[in-house]
Amino acid sequence: MSTKRKPPTIAQKPKEEVNKKALIWVGCIFAALVIVVTLLLVFSNGS
């Protein structure tokens, strides 16, 4: 009686996934900073 051999399991590294929430947060913060700086420049030159 022969014992069944399990196929060797190949250790696969999980694929590097881009953290979408972090990218969205960084993009929103960057956009908000650009808007704030633009508004400050516009209103400081206007007066």
PDB file of N, CA and C in Angstrom:
ATOM      1  N   MET A   1       0.847  -1.189   0.000  1.00  0.00           N
ATOM      2  CA  MET A   1       0.000   0.000   0.000  1.00  0.00           C
ATOM      3  C   MET A   1       0.887   1.246   0.000  1.00  0.00           C
ATOM      4  N   SER A   2       0.740   2.038  -1.048  1.00  0.00           N
ATOM      5  CA  SER A   2       1.576   3.233  -1.150  1.00  0.00           C
ATOM      6  C   SER A   2       0.813   4.437  -0.615  1.00  0.00           C
ATOM      7  N   THR A   3       1.517   5.288   0.091  1.00  0.00           N
ATOM      8  CA  THR A   3       0.885   6.486   0.637  1.00  0.00           C
ATOM      9  C   THR A   3       0.863   7.572  -0.430  1.00  0.00           C
ATOM     10  N   LYS A   4      -0.215   8.311  -0.465  1.00  0.00           N
ATOM     11  CA  LYS A   4      -0.325   9.394  -1.438  1.00  0.00           C
ATOM     12  C   LYS A   4       0.557  10.551  -0.991  1.00  0.00           C
ATOM     13  N   ARG A   5       1.338  11.040  -1.934  1.00  0.00           N
ATOM     14  CA  ARG A   5       2.201  12.176  -1.623  1.00  0.00           C
ATOM     15  C   ARG A   5       1.489  13.464  -1.994  1.00  0.00           C
ATOM     16  N   LYS A   6       1.606  14.411  -1.120  1.00  0.00           N
ATOM     17  CA  LYS A   6       1.037  15.728  -1.419  1.00  0.00           C
ATOM     18  C   LYS A   6       1.960  16.448  -2.403  1.00  0.00           C
ATOM     19  N   PRO A   7       1.406  17.150  -3.351  1.00  0.00           N
ATOM     20  CA  PRO A   7       2.276  17.921  -4.249  1.00  0.00           C
ATOM     21  C   PRO A   7       2.989  19.016  -3.463  1.00  0.00           C
ATOM     22  N   PRO A   8       4.227  19.285  -3.804  1.00  0.00           N
ATOM     23  CA  PRO A   8       4.961  20.312  -3.059  1.00  0.00           C
ATOM     24  C   PRO A   8       4.296  21.677  -3.225  1.00  0.00           C
ATOM     25  N   THR A   9       4.111  22.328  -2.118  1.00  0.00           N
ATOM     26  CA  THR A   9       3.484  23.647  -2.168  1.00  0.00           C
ATOM     27  C   THR A   9       4.561  24.674  -2.468  1.00  0.00           C
ATOM     28  N   ILE A  10       4.309  25.468  -3.474  1.00  0.00           N
ATOM     29  CA  ILE A  10       5.259  26.509  -3.861  1.00  0.00           C
ATOM     30  C   ILE A  10       4.928  27.768  -3.059  1.00  0.00           C
ATOM     31  N   ALA A  11       5.898  28.246  -2.335  1.00  0.00           N
ATOM     32  CA  ALA A  11       5.685  29.451  -1.530  1.00  0.00           C
ATOM     33  C   ALA A  11       5.702  30.662  -2.456  1.00  0.00           C
ATOM     34  N   GLN A  12       4.525  31.234  -2.674  1.00  0.00           N
ATOM     35  CA  GLN A  12       4.432  32.406  -3.532  1.00  0.00           C
ATOM     36  C   GLN A  12       4.308  33.657  -2.676  1.00  0.00           C
ATOM     37  N   LYS A  13       5.089  34.641  -3.028  1.00  0.00           N
ATOM     38  CA  LYS A  13       4.977  35.914  -2.319  1.00  0.00           C
ATOM     39  C   LYS A  13       3.710  36.610  -2.796  1.00  0.00           C
ATOM     40  N   PRO A  14       2.966  37.201  -1.879  1.00  0.00           N
ATOM     41  CA  PRO A  14       1.788  37.948  -2.323  1.00  0.00           C
ATOM     42  C   PRO A  14       2.223  39.148  -3.148  1.00  0.00           C
ATOM     43  N   LYS A  15       1.462  39.428  -4.205  1.00  0.00           N
ATOM     44  CA  LYS A  15       1.815  40.550  -5.077  1.00  0.00           C
ATOM     45  C   LYS A  15       1.677  41.858  -4.308  1.00  0.00           C
ATOM     46  N   GLU A  16       2.596  42.764  -4.597  1.00  0.00           N
ATOM     47  CA  GLU A  16       2.551  44.074  -3.952  1.00  0.00           C
ATOM     48  C   GLU A  16       1.371  44.853  -4.529  1.00  0.00           C
ATOM     49  N   GLU A  17       0.432  45.187  -3.679  1.00  0.00           N
ATOM     50  CA  GLU A  17      -0.720  45.955  -4.131  1.00  0.00           C
ATOM     51  C   GLU A  17      -0.567  47.404  -3.686  1.00  0.00           C
ATOM     52  N   VAL A  18      -0.996  48.285  -4.548  1.00  0.00           N
ATOM     53  CA  VAL A  18      -0.943  49.705  -4.220  1.00  0.00           C
ATOM     54  C   VAL A  18      -2.089  50.013  -3.264  1.00  0.00           C
ATOM     55  N   ASN A  19      -1.757  50.716  -2.189  1.00  0.00           N
ATOM     56  CA  ASN A  19      -2.783  51.074  -1.214  1.00  0.00           C
ATOM     57  C   ASN A  19      -3.602  52.223  -1.795  1.00  0.00           C
ATOM     58  N   LYS A  20      -4.787  51.876  -2.321  1.00  0.00           N
ATOM     59  CA  LYS A  20      -5.597  52.875  -3.019  1.00  0.00           C
ATOM     60  C   LYS A  20      -6.107  53.950  -2.083  1.00  0.00           C
ATOM     61  N   LYS A  21      -6.475  53.566  -0.858  1.00  0.00           N
ATOM     62  CA  LYS A  21      -6.982  54.578   0.084  1.00  0.00           C
ATOM     63  C   LYS A  21      -5.900  55.594   0.410  1.00  0.00           C
ATOM     64  N   ALA A  22      -4.678  55.131   0.583  1.00  0.00           N
ATOM     65  CA  ALA A  22      -3.582  56.052   0.896  1.00  0.00           C
ATOM     66  C   ALA A  22      -3.340  57.003  -0.271  1.00  0.00           C
ATOM     67  N   LEU A  23      -3.396  56.480  -1.501  1.00  0.00           N
ATOM     68  CA  LEU A  23      -3.203  57.351  -2.661  1.00  0.00           C
ATOM     69  C   LEU A  23      -4.303  58.393  -2.762  1.00  0.00           C
ATOM     70  N   ILE A  24      -5.527  57.987  -2.470  1.00  0.00           N
ATOM     71  CA  ILE A  24      -6.649  58.930  -2.527  1.00  0.00           C
ATOM     72  C   ILE A  24      -6.471  60.016  -1.472  1.00  0.00           C
ATOM     73  N   TRP A  25      -6.083  59.627  -0.260  1.00  0.00           N
ATOM     74  CA  TRP A  25      -5.864  60.605   0.806  1.00  0.00           C
ATOM     75  C   TRP A  25      -4.759  61.590   0.432  1.00  0.00           C
ATOM     76  N   VAL A  26      -3.648  61.062  -0.070  1.00  0.00           N
ATOM     77  CA  VAL A  26      -2.524  61.938  -0.436  1.00  0.00           C
ATOM     78  C   VAL A  26      -2.940  62.886  -1.551  1.00  0.00           C
ATOM     79  N   GLY A  27      -3.678  62.368  -2.520  1.00  0.00           N
ATOM     80  CA  GLY A  27      -4.140  63.216  -3.618  1.00  0.00           C
ATOM     81  C   GLY A  27      -5.064  64.313  -3.143  1.00  0.00           C
ATOM     82  N   CYS A  28      -5.984  63.981  -2.231  1.00  0.00           N
ATOM     83  CA  CYS A  28      -6.920  64.987  -1.709  1.00  0.00           C
ATOM     84  C   CYS A  28      -6.182  66.051  -0.899  1.00  0.00           C
ATOM     85  N   ILE A  29      -5.249  65.625  -0.082  1.00  0.00           N
ATOM     86  CA  ILE A  29      -4.492  66.585   0.729  1.00  0.00           C
ATOM     87  C   ILE A  29      -3.675  67.504  -0.173  1.00  0.00           C
ATOM     88  N   PHE A  30      -3.046  66.922  -1.195  1.00  0.00           N
ATOM     89  CA  PHE A  30      -2.249  67.732  -2.116  1.00  0.00           C
ATOM     90  C   PHE A  30      -3.129  68.732  -2.853  1.00  0.00           C
ATOM     91  N   ALA A  31      -4.288  68.288  -3.318  1.00  0.00           N
ATOM     92  CA  ALA A  31      -5.205  69.183  -4.026  1.00  0.00           C
ATOM     93  C   ALA A  31      -5.690  70.297  -3.103  1.00  0.00           C
ATOM     94  N   ALA A  32      -5.996  69.949  -1.847  1.00  0.00           N
ATOM     95  CA  ALA A  32      -6.457  70.959  -0.892  1.00  0.00           C
ATOM     96  C   ALA A  32      -5.355  71.994  -0.640  1.00  0.00           C
ATOM     97  N   LEU A  33      -4.113  71.542  -0.519  1.00  0.00           N
ATOM     98  CA  LEU A  33      -3.005  72.479  -0.305  1.00  0.00           C
ATOM     99  C   LEU A  33      -2.852  73.415  -1.503  1.00  0.00           C
ATOM    100  N   VAL A  34      -2.966  72.870  -2.709  1.00  0.00           N
ATOM    101  CA  VAL A  34      -2.842  73.705  -3.911  1.00  0.00           C
ATOM    102  C   VAL A  34      -3.954  74.752  -3.935  1.00  0.00           C
ATOM    103  N   ILE A  35      -5.163  74.344  -3.603  1.00  0.00           N
ATOM    104  CA  ILE A  35      -6.289  75.282  -3.602  1.00  0.00           C
ATOM    105  C   ILE A  35      -6.089  76.371  -2.556  1.00  0.00           C
ATOM    106  N   VAL A  36      -5.655  75.985  -1.370  1.00  0.00           N
ATOM    107  CA  VAL A  36      -5.450  76.972  -0.297  1.00  0.00           C
ATOM    108  C   VAL A  36      -4.358  77.963  -0.681  1.00  0.00           C
ATOM    109  N   VAL A  37      -3.253  77.460  -1.214  1.00  0.00           N
ATOM    110  CA  VAL A  37      -2.153  78.358  -1.601  1.00  0.00           C
ATOM    111  C   VAL A  37      -2.609  79.293  -2.718  1.00  0.00           C
ATOM    112  N   THR A  38      -3.370  78.769  -3.676  1.00  0.00           N
ATOM    113  CA  THR A  38      -3.860  79.607  -4.772  1.00  0.00           C
ATOM    114  C   THR A  38      -4.788  80.702  -4.242  1.00  0.00           C
ATOM    115  N   LEU A  39      -5.698  80.333  -3.336  1.00  0.00           N
ATOM    116  CA  LEU A  39      -6.605  81.329  -2.769  1.00  0.00           C
ATOM    117  C   LEU A  39      -5.837  82.390  -1.976  1.00  0.00           C
ATOM    118  N   LEU A  40      -4.836  81.967  -1.223  1.00  0.00           N
ATOM    119  CA  LEU A  40      -4.041  82.934  -0.466  1.00  0.00           C
ATOM    120  C   LEU A  40      -3.321  83.892  -1.415  1.00  0.00           C
ATOM    121  N   LEU A  41      -2.770  83.372  -2.482  1.00  0.00           N
ATOM    122  CA  LEU A  41      -2.074  84.244  -3.433  1.00  0.00           C
ATOM    123  C   LEU A  41      -3.047  85.234  -4.087  1.00  0.00           C
ATOM    124  N   VAL A  42      -4.208  84.766  -4.466  1.00  0.00           N
ATOM    125  CA  VAL A  42      -5.178  85.632  -5.125  1.00  0.00           C
ATOM    126  C   VAL A  42      -5.639  86.735  -4.190  1.00  0.00           C
ATOM    127  N   PHE A  43      -5.989  86.371  -2.965  1.00  0.00           N
ATOM    128  CA  PHE A  43      -6.535  87.377  -2.040  1.00  0.00           C
ATOM    129  C   PHE A  43      -5.446  88.287  -1.474  1.00  0.00           C
ATOM    130  N   SER A  44      -4.204  87.814  -1.395  1.00  0.00           N
ATOM    131  CA  SER A  44      -3.163  88.689  -0.882  1.00  0.00           C
ATOM    132  C   SER A  44      -2.749  89.724  -1.924  1.00  0.00           C
ATOM    133  N   ASN A  45      -2.839  89.366  -3.214  1.00  0.00           N
ATOM    134  CA  ASN A  45      -2.502  90.321  -4.271  1.00  0.00           C
ATOM    135  C   ASN A  45      -3.658  91.284  -4.547  1.00  0.00           C
ATOM    136  N   GLY A  46      -4.865  90.883  -4.226  1.00  0.00           N
ATOM    137  CA  GLY A  46      -6.009  91.718  -4.532  1.00  0.00           C
ATOM    138  C   GLY A  46      -6.122  92.927  -3.629  1.00  0.00           C
ATOM    139  N   SER A  47      -5.595  92.841  -2.417  1.00  0.00           N
ATOM    140  CA  SER A  47      -5.771  93.965  -1.493  1.00  0.00           C
ATOM    141  C   SER A  47      -4.508  94.787  -1.301  1.00  0.00           C
TER     142      SER A  47
END
